[in-house]
PDB file of N, CA and C in Angstrom:
ATOM      1  N   MET A   1     -56.628  -3.806  16.044  1.00  0.00           N
ATOM      2  CA  MET A   1     -55.209  -3.791  15.519  1.00  0.00           C
ATOM      3  C   MET A   1     -54.733  -2.529  15.940  1.00  0.00           C
ATOM      4  N   GLY A   2     -53.532  -2.569  16.312  1.00  0.00           N
ATOM      5  CA  GLY A   2     -52.782  -1.331  16.857  1.00  0.00           C
ATOM      6  C   GLY A   2     -51.569  -1.337  16.022  1.00  0.00           C
ATOM      7  N   SER A   3     -50.961  -0.087  16.078  1.00  0.00           N
ATOM      8  CA  SER A   3     -49.735   0.406  15.306  1.00  0.00           C
ATOM      9  C   SER A   3     -48.733   0.707  16.389  1.00  0.00           C
ATOM     10  N   LYS A   4     -47.233   0.348  16.143  1.00  0.00           N
ATOM     11  CA  LYS A   4     -46.288   0.544  16.811  1.00  0.00           C
ATOM     12  C   LYS A   4     -45.492   1.904  16.215  1.00  0.00           C
ATOM     13  N   PRO A   5     -44.873   2.641  16.922  1.00  0.00           N
ATOM     14  CA  PRO A   5     -44.194   3.939  16.419  1.00  0.00           C
ATOM     15  C   PRO A   5     -43.293   3.585  15.318  1.00  0.00           C
ATOM     16  N   ASP A   6     -42.599   2.529  14.984  1.00  0.00           N
ATOM     17  CA  ASP A   6     -41.898   2.314  13.868  1.00  0.00           C
ATOM     18  C   ASP A   6     -42.416   1.772  12.650  1.00  0.00           C
ATOM     19  N   GLY A   7     -44.099   1.902  12.697  1.00  0.00           N
ATOM     20  CA  GLY A   7     -44.699   1.601  11.440  1.00  0.00           C
ATOM     21  C   GLY A   7     -45.198   0.157  11.403  1.00  0.00           C
ATOM     22  N   LEU A   8     -44.816  -0.633  12.293  1.00  0.00           N
ATOM     23  CA  LEU A   8     -45.374  -2.120  12.446  1.00  0.00           C
ATOM     24  C   LEU A   8     -46.668  -2.289  12.890  1.00  0.00           C
ATOM     25  N   VAL A   9     -47.453  -2.854  12.453  1.00  0.00           N
ATOM     26  CA  VAL A   9     -48.908  -3.276  12.729  1.00  0.00           C
ATOM     27  C   VAL A   9     -48.898  -4.539  13.674  1.00  0.00           C
ATOM     28  N   VAL A  10     -49.704  -4.091  14.858  1.00  0.00           N
ATOM     29  CA  VAL A  10     -49.818  -5.359  15.656  1.00  0.00           C
ATOM     30  C   VAL A  10     -51.120  -5.952  15.382  1.00  0.00           C
ATOM     31  N   VAL A  11     -51.260  -7.247  14.932  1.00  0.00           N
ATOM     32  CA  VAL A  11     -52.566  -7.887  14.956  1.00  0.00           C
ATOM     33  C   VAL A  11     -52.719  -9.012  15.889  1.00  0.00           C
ATOM     34  N   ASP A  12     -54.121  -8.961  16.715  1.00  0.00           N
ATOM     35  CA  ASP A  12     -54.252  -9.775  17.639  1.00  0.00           C
ATOM     36  C   ASP A  12     -55.172 -10.938  16.717  1.00  0.00           C
ATOM     37  N   LEU A  13     -54.494 -12.090  16.918  1.00  0.00           N
ATOM     38  CA  LEU A  13     -54.970 -13.355  16.267  1.00  0.00           C
ATOM     39  C   LEU A  13     -55.378 -14.338  17.418  1.00  0.00           C
ATOM     40  N   THR A  14     -55.327 -14.081  18.604  1.00  0.00           N
ATOM     41  CA  THR A  14     -55.721 -14.920  19.713  1.00  0.00           C
ATOM     42  C   THR A  14     -57.160 -15.552  19.303  1.00  0.00           C
ATOM     43  N   PRO A  15     -57.532 -16.635  19.825  1.00  0.00           N
ATOM     44  CA  PRO A  15     -58.717 -17.041  19.657  1.00  0.00           C
ATOM     45  C   PRO A  15     -59.917 -16.305  20.127  1.00  0.00           C
ATOM     46  N   GLU A  16     -59.668 -15.549  21.174  1.00  0.00           N
ATOM     47  CA  GLU A  16     -60.612 -14.583  21.568  1.00  0.00           C
ATOM     48  C   GLU A  16     -61.021 -13.400  20.501  1.00  0.00           C
ATOM     49  N   ALA A  17     -59.853 -12.940  19.941  1.00  0.00           N
ATOM     50  CA  ALA A  17     -59.884 -11.935  18.887  1.00  0.00           C
ATOM     51  C   ALA A  17     -60.624 -12.483  17.446  1.00  0.00           C
ATOM     52  N   VAL A  18     -60.198 -13.571  17.366  1.00  0.00           N
ATOM     53  CA  VAL A  18     -60.494 -14.059  15.988  1.00  0.00           C
ATOM     54  C   VAL A  18     -61.983 -14.793  16.090  1.00  0.00           C
ATOM     55  N   ASP A  19     -62.612 -15.266  17.192  1.00  0.00           N
ATOM     56  CA  ASP A  19     -63.823 -15.786  17.485  1.00  0.00           C
ATOM     57  C   ASP A  19     -64.857 -14.633  17.829  1.00  0.00           C
ATOM     58  N   PHE A  20     -64.766 -13.452  17.435  1.00  0.00           N
ATOM     59  CA  PHE A  20     -65.764 -12.623  17.724  1.00  0.00           C
ATOM     60  C   PHE A  20     -67.293 -12.718  17.035  1.00  0.00           C
ATOM     61  N   ASP A  21     -68.234 -12.377  17.528  1.00  0.00           N
ATOM     62  CA  ASP A  21     -69.463 -12.455  16.918  1.00  0.00           C
ATOM     63  C   ASP A  21     -69.839 -11.475  15.857  1.00  0.00           C
ATOM     64  N   LEU A  22     -69.878 -12.009  14.606  1.00  0.00           N
ATOM     65  CA  LEU A  22     -69.888 -10.886  13.764  1.00  0.00           C
ATOM     66  C   LEU A  22     -71.600 -10.334  13.565  1.00  0.00           C
ATOM     67  N   THR A  23     -72.523 -10.817  14.250  1.00  0.00           N
ATOM     68  CA  THR A  23     -73.641 -10.437  14.351  1.00  0.00           C
ATOM     69  C   THR A  23     -73.794  -9.051  15.102  1.00  0.00           C
ATOM     70  N   ASP A  24     -72.768  -8.789  16.044  1.00  0.00           N
ATOM     71  CA  ASP A  24     -72.859  -7.550  16.814  1.00  0.00           C
ATOM     72  C   ASP A  24     -72.497  -6.433  16.178  1.00  0.00           C
ATOM     73  N   ARG A  25     -71.714  -6.306  14.811  1.00  0.00           N
ATOM     74  CA  ARG A  25     -71.357  -5.343  14.305  1.00  0.00           C
ATOM     75  C   ARG A  25     -70.853  -5.864  12.844  1.00  0.00           C
ATOM     76  N   ALA A  26     -70.926  -4.916  11.985  1.00  0.00           N
ATOM     77  CA  ALA A  26     -70.286  -5.041  10.474  1.00  0.00           C
ATOM     78  C   ALA A  26     -68.872  -5.163  10.591  1.00  0.00           C
ATOM     79  N   PRO A  27     -68.401  -6.220   9.823  1.00  0.00           N
ATOM     80  CA  PRO A  27     -66.754  -6.304   9.663  1.00  0.00           C
ATOM     81  C   PRO A  27     -66.232  -4.870   9.122  1.00  0.00           C
ATOM     82  N   THR A  28     -65.214  -4.451   9.989  1.00  0.00           N
ATOM     83  CA  THR A  28     -64.515  -3.140   9.491  1.00  0.00           C
ATOM     84  C   THR A  28     -63.546  -3.375   8.370  1.00  0.00           C
ATOM     85  N   GLU A  29     -63.153  -2.325   7.905  1.00  0.00           N
ATOM     86  CA  GLU A  29     -61.930  -2.516   6.616  1.00  0.00           C
ATOM     87  C   GLU A  29     -60.884  -3.329   7.260  1.00  0.00           C
ATOM     88  N   ALA A  30     -60.246  -3.082   8.435  1.00  0.00           N
ATOM     89  CA  ALA A  30     -59.283  -3.736   9.126  1.00  0.00           C
ATOM     90  C   ALA A  30     -59.619  -5.204   9.085  1.00  0.00           C
ATOM     91  N   ASP A  31     -60.831  -5.619   9.486  1.00  0.00           N
ATOM     92  CA  ASP A  31     -61.414  -7.095   9.594  1.00  0.00           C
ATOM     93  C   ASP A  31     -61.286  -7.749   8.086  1.00  0.00           C
ATOM     94  N   ILE A  32     -61.575  -7.035   7.110  1.00  0.00           N
ATOM     95  CA  ILE A  32     -61.953  -7.705   5.897  1.00  0.00           C
ATOM     96  C   ILE A  32     -60.489  -7.657   5.154  1.00  0.00           C
ATOM     97  N   GLN A  33     -59.433  -6.941   5.535  1.00  0.00           N
ATOM     98  CA  GLN A  33     -58.186  -7.140   4.952  1.00  0.00           C
ATOM     99  C   GLN A  33     -57.558  -8.194   5.775  1.00  0.00           C
ATOM    100  N   LEU A  34     -57.726  -8.408   7.027  1.00  0.00           N
ATOM    101  CA  LEU A  34     -57.119  -9.597   7.834  1.00  0.00           C
ATOM    102  C   LEU A  34     -57.856 -10.918   7.141  1.00  0.00           C
ATOM    103  N   ALA A  35     -59.139 -11.041   6.905  1.00  0.00           N
ATOM    104  CA  ALA A  35     -59.803 -12.034   6.387  1.00  0.00           C
ATOM    105  C   ALA A  35     -59.344 -12.409   5.053  1.00  0.00           C
ATOM    106  N   GLN A  36     -59.000 -11.238   4.098  1.00  0.00           N
ATOM    107  CA  GLN A  36     -58.429 -11.695   2.909  1.00  0.00           C
ATOM    108  C   GLN A  36     -57.118 -12.395   3.101  1.00  0.00           C
ATOM    109  N   ARG A  37     -56.328 -11.942   3.867  1.00  0.00           N
ATOM    110  CA  ARG A  37     -55.165 -12.470   4.174  1.00  0.00           C
ATOM    111  C   ARG A  37     -55.120 -13.776   4.661  1.00  0.00           C
ATOM    112  N   ALA A  38     -56.047 -14.105   5.488  1.00  0.00           N
ATOM    113  CA  ALA A  38     -56.442 -15.422   6.242  1.00  0.00           C
ATOM    114  C   ALA A  38     -56.735 -16.511   5.196  1.00  0.00           C
ATOM    115  N   VAL A  39     -57.600 -16.256   4.171  1.00  0.00           N
ATOM    116  CA  VAL A  39     -58.021 -17.203   3.242  1.00  0.00           C
ATOM    117  C   VAL A  39     -57.023 -17.415   2.214  1.00  0.00           C
ATOM    118  N   ILE A  40     -56.210 -16.484   1.907  1.00  0.00           N
ATOM    119  CA  ILE A  40     -55.165 -16.562   0.947  1.00  0.00           C
ATOM    120  C   ILE A  40     -53.777 -17.404   1.693  1.00  0.00           C
ATOM    121  N   VAL A  41     -53.572 -17.047   2.915  1.00  0.00           N
ATOM    122  CA  VAL A  41     -52.465 -17.829   3.508  1.00  0.00           C
ATOM    123  C   VAL A  41     -52.805 -19.100   4.072  1.00  0.00           C
ATOM    124  N   HIS A  42     -54.173 -19.053   4.655  1.00  0.00           N
ATOM    125  CA  HIS A  42     -54.418 -20.494   5.179  1.00  0.00           C
ATOM    126  C   HIS A  42     -55.148 -21.272   4.250  1.00  0.00           C
ATOM    127  N   HIS A  43     -54.501 -21.872   3.286  1.00  0.00           N
ATOM    128  CA  HIS A  43     -54.982 -22.541   2.193  1.00  0.00           C
ATOM    129  C   HIS A  43     -54.753 -24.041   2.214  1.00  0.00           C
ATOM    130  N   GLY A  44     -55.796 -24.717   1.792  1.00  0.00           N
ATOM    131  CA  GLY A  44     -55.798 -26.440   2.148  1.00  0.00           C
ATOM    132  C   GLY A  44     -54.819 -26.911   1.016  1.00  0.00           C
ATOM    133  N   GLU A  45     -54.285 -28.149   1.366  1.00  0.00           N
ATOM    134  CA  GLU A  45     -53.427 -28.706   0.704  1.00  0.00           C
ATOM    135  C   GLU A  45     -53.776 -30.463   0.794  1.00  0.00           C
ATOM    136  N   SER A  46     -53.831 -31.038  -0.170  1.00  0.00           N
ATOM    137  CA  SER A  46     -54.223 -32.594  -0.026  1.00  0.00           C
ATOM    138  C   SER A  46     -53.044 -33.251   0.186  1.00  0.00           C
ATOM    139  N   TRP A  47     -53.177 -34.182   1.204  1.00  0.00           N
ATOM    140  CA  TRP A  47     -52.104 -35.172   1.684  1.00  0.00           C
ATOM    141  C   TRP A  47     -52.893 -36.479   1.610  1.00  0.00           C
ATOM    142  N   PRO A  48     -52.085 -37.581   1.489  1.00  0.00           N
ATOM    143  CA  PRO A  48     -52.636 -38.978   1.558  1.00  0.00           C
ATOM    144  C   PRO A  48     -53.709 -39.377   2.676  1.00  0.00           C
ATOM    145  N   HIS A  49     -53.449 -38.652   3.752  1.00  0.00           N
ATOM    146  CA  HIS A  49     -54.100 -38.709   5.134  1.00  0.00           C
ATOM    147  C   HIS A  49     -55.196 -37.632   5.265  1.00  0.00           C
ATOM    148  N   GLY A  50     -55.319 -36.730   4.254  1.00  0.00           N
ATOM    149  CA  GLY A  50     -56.384 -35.977   4.262  1.00  0.00           C
ATOM    150  C   GLY A  50     -56.020 -34.280   3.945  1.00  0.00           C
ATOM    151  N   ASP A  51     -56.913 -33.364   3.957  1.00  0.00           N
ATOM    152  CA  ASP A  51     -56.540 -32.157   3.752  1.00  0.00           C
ATOM    153  C   ASP A  51     -55.999 -31.208   4.854  1.00  0.00           C
ATOM    154  N   TYR A  52     -54.939 -30.653   4.844  1.00  0.00           N
ATOM    155  CA  TYR A  52     -54.283 -29.974   5.823  1.00  0.00           C
ATOM    156  C   TYR A  52     -54.070 -28.389   5.377  1.00  0.00           C
ATOM    157  N   CYS A  53     -54.003 -27.492   6.343  1.00  0.00           N
ATOM    158  CA  CYS A  53     -53.602 -26.077   6.138  1.00  0.00           C
ATOM    159  C   CYS A  53     -52.108 -25.944   5.771  1.00  0.00           C
ATOM    160  N   ARG A  54     -51.938 -25.418   4.780  1.00  0.00           N
ATOM    161  CA  ARG A  54     -50.475 -25.211   4.015  1.00  0.00           C
ATOM    162  C   ARG A  54     -49.737 -24.484   5.121  1.00  0.00           C
ATOM    163  N   ASN A  55     -50.171 -23.426   5.655  1.00  0.00           N
ATOM    164  CA  ASN A  55     -49.503 -22.623   6.783  1.00  0.00           C
ATOM    165  C   ASN A  55     -49.466 -23.088   8.133  1.00  0.00           C
ATOM    166  N   CYS A  56     -50.482 -23.595   8.627  1.00  0.00           N
ATOM    167  CA  CYS A  56     -50.541 -23.990  10.078  1.00  0.00           C
ATOM    168  C   CYS A  56     -50.561 -25.392  10.437  1.00  0.00           C
ATOM    169  N   ARG A  57     -50.680 -26.376   9.303  1.00  0.00           N
ATOM    170  CA  ARG A  57     -50.683 -27.708   9.489  1.00  0.00           C
ATOM    171  C   ARG A  57     -51.754 -28.376  10.179  1.00  0.00           C
ATOM    172  N   ALA A  58     -52.947 -27.755  10.434  1.00  0.00           N
ATOM    173  CA  ALA A  58     -54.079 -28.016  11.068  1.00  0.00           C
ATOM    174  C   ALA A  58     -54.945 -28.681   9.997  1.00  0.00           C
ATOM    175  N   PRO A  59     -55.868 -29.735  10.398  1.00  0.00           N
ATOM    176  CA  PRO A  59     -56.797 -30.014   9.345  1.00  0.00           C
ATOM    177  C   PRO A  59     -57.439 -28.733   8.751  1.00  0.00           C
ATOM    178  N   PHE A  60     -57.804 -28.945   7.425  1.00  0.00           N
ATOM    179  CA  PHE A  60     -58.356 -27.851   6.607  1.00  0.00           C
ATOM    180  C   PHE A  60     -59.874 -28.007   6.432  1.00  0.00           C
ATOM    181  N   PRO A  61     -60.621 -27.085   6.680  1.00  0.00           N
ATOM    182  CA  PRO A  61     -60.312 -25.670   6.803  1.00  0.00           C
ATOM    183  C   PRO A  61     -59.927 -25.372   8.221  1.00  0.00           C
ATOM    184  N   CYS A  62     -58.817 -24.743   8.458  1.00  0.00           N
ATOM    185  CA  CYS A  62     -58.305 -24.553   9.950  1.00  0.00           C
ATOM    186  C   CYS A  62     -59.138 -23.280  10.283  1.00  0.00           C
ATOM    187  N   ARG A  63     -58.868 -22.887  11.677  1.00  0.00           N
ATOM    188  CA  ARG A  63     -59.584 -21.854  12.517  1.00  0.00           C
ATOM    189  C   ARG A  63     -59.570 -20.525  11.632  1.00  0.00           C
ATOM    190  N   LEU A  64     -58.207 -20.084  11.156  1.00  0.00           N
ATOM    191  CA  LEU A  64     -58.347 -18.897  10.394  1.00  0.00           C
ATOM    192  C   LEU A  64     -58.865 -18.973   9.172  1.00  0.00           C
ATOM    193  N   ALA A  65     -59.007 -20.028   8.305  1.00  0.00           N
ATOM    194  CA  ALA A  65     -59.594 -20.107   7.006  1.00  0.00           C
ATOM    195  C   ALA A  65     -60.951 -19.918   7.326  1.00  0.00           C
ATOM    196  N   ARG A  66     -61.461 -20.515   8.251  1.00  0.00           N
ATOM    197  CA  ARG A  66     -63.080 -20.491   8.503  1.00  0.00           C
ATOM    198  C   ARG A  66     -63.496 -19.233   9.122  1.00  0.00           C
ATOM    199  N   TRP A  67     -62.626 -18.703   9.674  1.00  0.00           N
ATOM    200  CA  TRP A  67     -62.919 -17.021  10.229  1.00  0.00           C
ATOM    201  C   TRP A  67     -62.905 -16.208   9.030  1.00  0.00           C
ATOM    202  N   GLY A  68     -61.831 -16.235   8.219  1.00  0.00           N
ATOM    203  CA  GLY A  68     -61.612 -15.544   7.101  1.00  0.00           C
ATOM    204  C   GLY A  68     -62.903 -15.555   6.036  1.00  0.00           C
ATOM    205  N   ARG A  69     -63.391 -16.788   5.832  1.00  0.00           N
ATOM    206  CA  ARG A  69     -64.594 -16.927   4.980  1.00  0.00           C
ATOM    207  C   ARG A  69     -65.650 -16.462   5.497  1.00  0.00           C
ATOM    208  N   ARG A  70     -65.765 -16.556   6.904  1.00  0.00           N
ATOM    209  CA  ARG A  70     -67.141 -16.015   7.554  1.00  0.00           C
ATOM    210  C   ARG A  70     -67.001 -14.547   7.659  1.00  0.00           C
ATOM    211  N   VAL A  71     -65.954 -13.894   7.673  1.00  0.00           N
ATOM    212  CA  VAL A  71     -65.879 -12.279   7.751  1.00  0.00           C
ATOM    213  C   VAL A  71     -66.180 -11.611   6.414  1.00  0.00           C
ATOM    214  N   LEU A  72     -65.535 -12.299   5.270  1.00  0.00           N
ATOM    215  CA  LEU A  72     -65.854 -12.086   3.964  1.00  0.00           C
ATOM    216  C   LEU A  72     -67.254 -12.323   3.774  1.00  0.00           C
ATOM    217  N   THR A  73     -67.853 -13.316   3.957  1.00  0.00           N
ATOM    218  CA  THR A  73     -69.265 -13.684   3.630  1.00  0.00           C
ATOM    219  C   THR A  73     -70.357 -12.500   4.424  1.00  0.00           C
ATOM    220  N   TYR A  74     -69.783 -12.197   5.599  1.00  0.00           N
ATOM    221  CA  TYR A  74     -70.727 -11.001   6.296  1.00  0.00           C
ATOM    222  C   TYR A  74     -70.413  -9.748   5.665  1.00  0.00           C
ATOM    223  N   ALA A  75     -69.234  -9.522   5.069  1.00  0.00           N
ATOM    224  CA  ALA A  75     -68.974  -8.189   4.094  1.00  0.00           C
ATOM    225  C   ALA A  75     -69.570  -8.369   2.899  1.00  0.00           C
ATOM    226  N   GLY A  76     -70.013  -9.499   2.500  1.00  0.00           N
ATOM    227  CA  GLY A  76     -70.901  -9.563   1.113  1.00  0.00           C
ATOM    228  C   GLY A  76     -70.124 -10.162  -0.064  1.00  0.00           C
ATOM    229  N   TYR A  77     -69.075 -10.821   0.179  1.00  0.00           N
ATOM    230  CA  TYR A  77     -68.129 -11.720  -0.493  1.00  0.00           C
ATOM    231  C   TYR A  77     -69.063 -12.914  -0.887  1.00  0.00           C
ATOM    232  N   THR A  78     -69.006 -13.473  -2.147  1.00  0.00           N
ATOM    233  CA  THR A  78     -69.659 -14.571  -2.619  1.00  0.00           C
ATOM    234  C   THR A  78     -68.377 -15.698  -2.659  1.00  0.00           C
ATOM    235  N   GLU A  79     -68.740 -17.003  -2.475  1.00  0.00           N
ATOM    236  CA  GLU A  79     -67.864 -17.896  -2.754  1.00  0.00           C
ATOM    237  C   GLU A  79     -67.077 -17.752  -3.890  1.00  0.00           C
ATOM    238  N   ALA A  80     -67.691 -17.393  -5.029  1.00  0.00           N
ATOM    239  CA  ALA A  80     -66.912 -17.135  -6.358  1.00  0.00           C
ATOM    240  C   ALA A  80     -65.905 -15.965  -6.068  1.00  0.00           C
ATOM    241  N   ALA A  81     -66.307 -14.944  -5.452  1.00  0.00           N
ATOM    242  CA  ALA A  81     -65.558 -13.653  -5.294  1.00  0.00           C
ATOM    243  C   ALA A  81     -64.350 -14.099  -4.346  1.00  0.00           C
ATOM    244  N   VAL A  82     -64.467 -14.976  -3.272  1.00  0.00           N
ATOM    245  CA  VAL A  82     -63.375 -15.457  -2.436  1.00  0.00           C
ATOM    246  C   VAL A  82     -62.556 -16.214  -3.410  1.00  0.00           C
ATOM    247  N   ALA A  83     -62.875 -17.117  -4.254  1.00  0.00           N
ATOM    248  CA  ALA A  83     -62.193 -18.108  -5.147  1.00  0.00           C
ATOM    249  C   ALA A  83     -61.290 -17.087  -6.035  1.00  0.00           C
ATOM    250  N   ALA A  84     -62.097 -16.281  -6.714  1.00  0.00           N
ATOM    251  CA  ALA A  84     -61.484 -15.093  -7.599  1.00  0.00           C
ATOM    252  C   ALA A  84     -60.227 -14.514  -6.850  1.00  0.00           C
ATOM    253  N   LEU A  85     -60.526 -14.002  -5.636  1.00  0.00           N
ATOM    254  CA  LEU A  85     -59.467 -13.306  -4.752  1.00  0.00           C
ATOM    255  C   LEU A  85     -58.357 -14.077  -4.624  1.00  0.00           C
ATOM    256  N   ILE A  86     -58.316 -15.393  -4.154  1.00  0.00           N
ATOM    257  CA  ILE A  86     -57.441 -16.454  -4.102  1.00  0.00           C
ATOM    258  C   ILE A  86     -56.403 -16.635  -5.420  1.00  0.00           C
ATOM    259  N   ALA A  87     -57.283 -16.954  -6.263  1.00  0.00           N
ATOM    260  CA  ALA A  87     -56.737 -17.115  -7.709  1.00  0.00           C
ATOM    261  C   ALA A  87     -55.862 -15.850  -8.268  1.00  0.00           C
ATOM    262  N   GLU A  88     -56.392 -14.587  -8.027  1.00  0.00           N
ATOM    263  CA  GLU A  88     -55.836 -13.398  -8.597  1.00  0.00           C
ATOM    264  C   GLU A  88     -54.472 -13.288  -7.861  1.00  0.00           C
ATOM    265  N   CYS A  89     -54.345 -13.692  -6.482  1.00  0.00           N
ATOM    266  CA  CYS A  89     -53.151 -13.489  -5.575  1.00  0.00           C
ATOM    267  C   CYS A  89     -52.258 -14.646  -6.046  1.00  0.00           C
ATOM    268  N   ARG A  90     -52.667 -15.743  -6.567  1.00  0.00           N
ATOM    269  CA  ARG A  90     -51.730 -16.698  -6.876  1.00  0.00           C
ATOM    270  C   ARG A  90     -51.172 -16.423  -8.410  1.00  0.00           C
ATOM    271  N   HIS A  91     -51.993 -15.807  -9.082  1.00  0.00           N
ATOM    272  CA  HIS A  91     -51.450 -15.619 -10.470  1.00  0.00           C
ATOM    273  C   HIS A  91     -50.740 -14.426 -10.664  1.00  0.00           C
ATOM    274  N   THR A  92     -50.830 -13.249  -9.894  1.00  0.00           N
ATOM    275  CA  THR A  92     -49.956 -12.169  -9.850  1.00  0.00           C
ATOM    276  C   THR A  92     -48.895 -12.317  -8.935  1.00  0.00           C
ATOM    277  N   GLY A  93     -49.126 -13.159  -7.814  1.00  0.00           N
ATOM    278  CA  GLY A  93     -48.099 -13.055  -6.882  1.00  0.00           C
ATOM    279  C   GLY A  93     -48.213 -11.920  -5.915  1.00  0.00           C
ATOM    280  N   ARG A  94     -49.252 -11.028  -6.132  1.00  0.00           N
ATOM    281  CA  ARG A  94     -49.219  -9.742  -5.220  1.00  0.00           C
ATOM    282  C   ARG A  94     -50.537 -10.118  -4.424  1.00  0.00           C
ATOM    283  N   ALA A  95     -50.330  -9.816  -3.130  1.00  0.00           N
ATOM    284  CA  ALA A  95     -51.446  -9.871  -2.086  1.00  0.00           C
ATOM    285  C   ALA A  95     -52.312  -8.465  -2.303  1.00  0.00           C
ATOM    286  N   PRO A  96     -53.558  -8.525  -2.118  1.00  0.00           N
ATOM    287  CA  PRO A  96     -54.486  -7.458  -2.066  1.00  0.00           C
ATOM    288  C   PRO A  96     -54.040  -6.442  -0.807  1.00  0.00           C
ATOM    289  N   TRP A  97     -53.604  -6.954   0.055  1.00  0.00           N
ATOM    290  CA  TRP A  97     -53.162  -6.071   1.293  1.00  0.00           C
ATOM    291  C   TRP A  97     -51.898  -5.371   1.148  1.00  0.00           C
ATOM    292  N   SER A  98     -51.202  -5.604   0.150  1.00  0.00           N
ATOM    293  CA  SER A  98     -49.806  -4.950  -0.193  1.00  0.00           C
ATOM    294  C   SER A  98     -49.810  -3.835  -1.083  1.00  0.00           C
ATOM    295  N   ALA A  99     -48.937  -2.978  -0.732  1.00  0.00           N
ATOM    296  CA  ALA A  99     -49.036  -1.617  -1.438  1.00  0.00           C
ATOM    297  C   ALA A  99     -48.699  -2.007  -2.996  1.00  0.00           C
ATOM    298  N   PRO A 100     -49.339  -1.299  -3.920  1.00  0.00           N
ATOM    299  CA  PRO A 100     -48.990  -1.460  -5.296  1.00  0.00           C
ATOM    300  C   PRO A 100     -47.641  -0.850  -5.857  1.00  0.00           C
ATOM    301  N   SER A 101     -46.802  -1.595  -6.420  1.00  0.00           N
ATOM    302  CA  SER A 101     -45.463  -1.084  -7.030  1.00  0.00           C
ATOM    303  C   SER A 101     -45.630  -0.011  -7.760  1.00  0.00           C
ATOM    304  N   THR A 102     -44.493   0.866  -7.490  1.00  0.00           N
ATOM    305  CA  THR A 102     -44.669   2.200  -8.412  1.00  0.00           C
ATOM    306  C   THR A 102     -43.292   2.332  -9.120  1.00  0.00           C
TER     307      THR A 102
END
């Protein structure tokens, strides 16, 4: 993940970047933040013909939803903790990666 001079963050979500082998290293804080975002944004939605990702419309769980859960699992999150993270974001409307309002 890199930064541009104007403060924008550039995130590489290409398949090569997303499919890294987590056994080579522990997830970094940046990995964990992206994984949190992935599991919240790439959320399943039921349709008569199956479950699909609300964000990318791929069959659910989509590639980024799987990656996000895998990273969070390696970081020590349980399924209950991931579910609580998603529920809290939906309840408060504030994402964990956003700055707290002052």
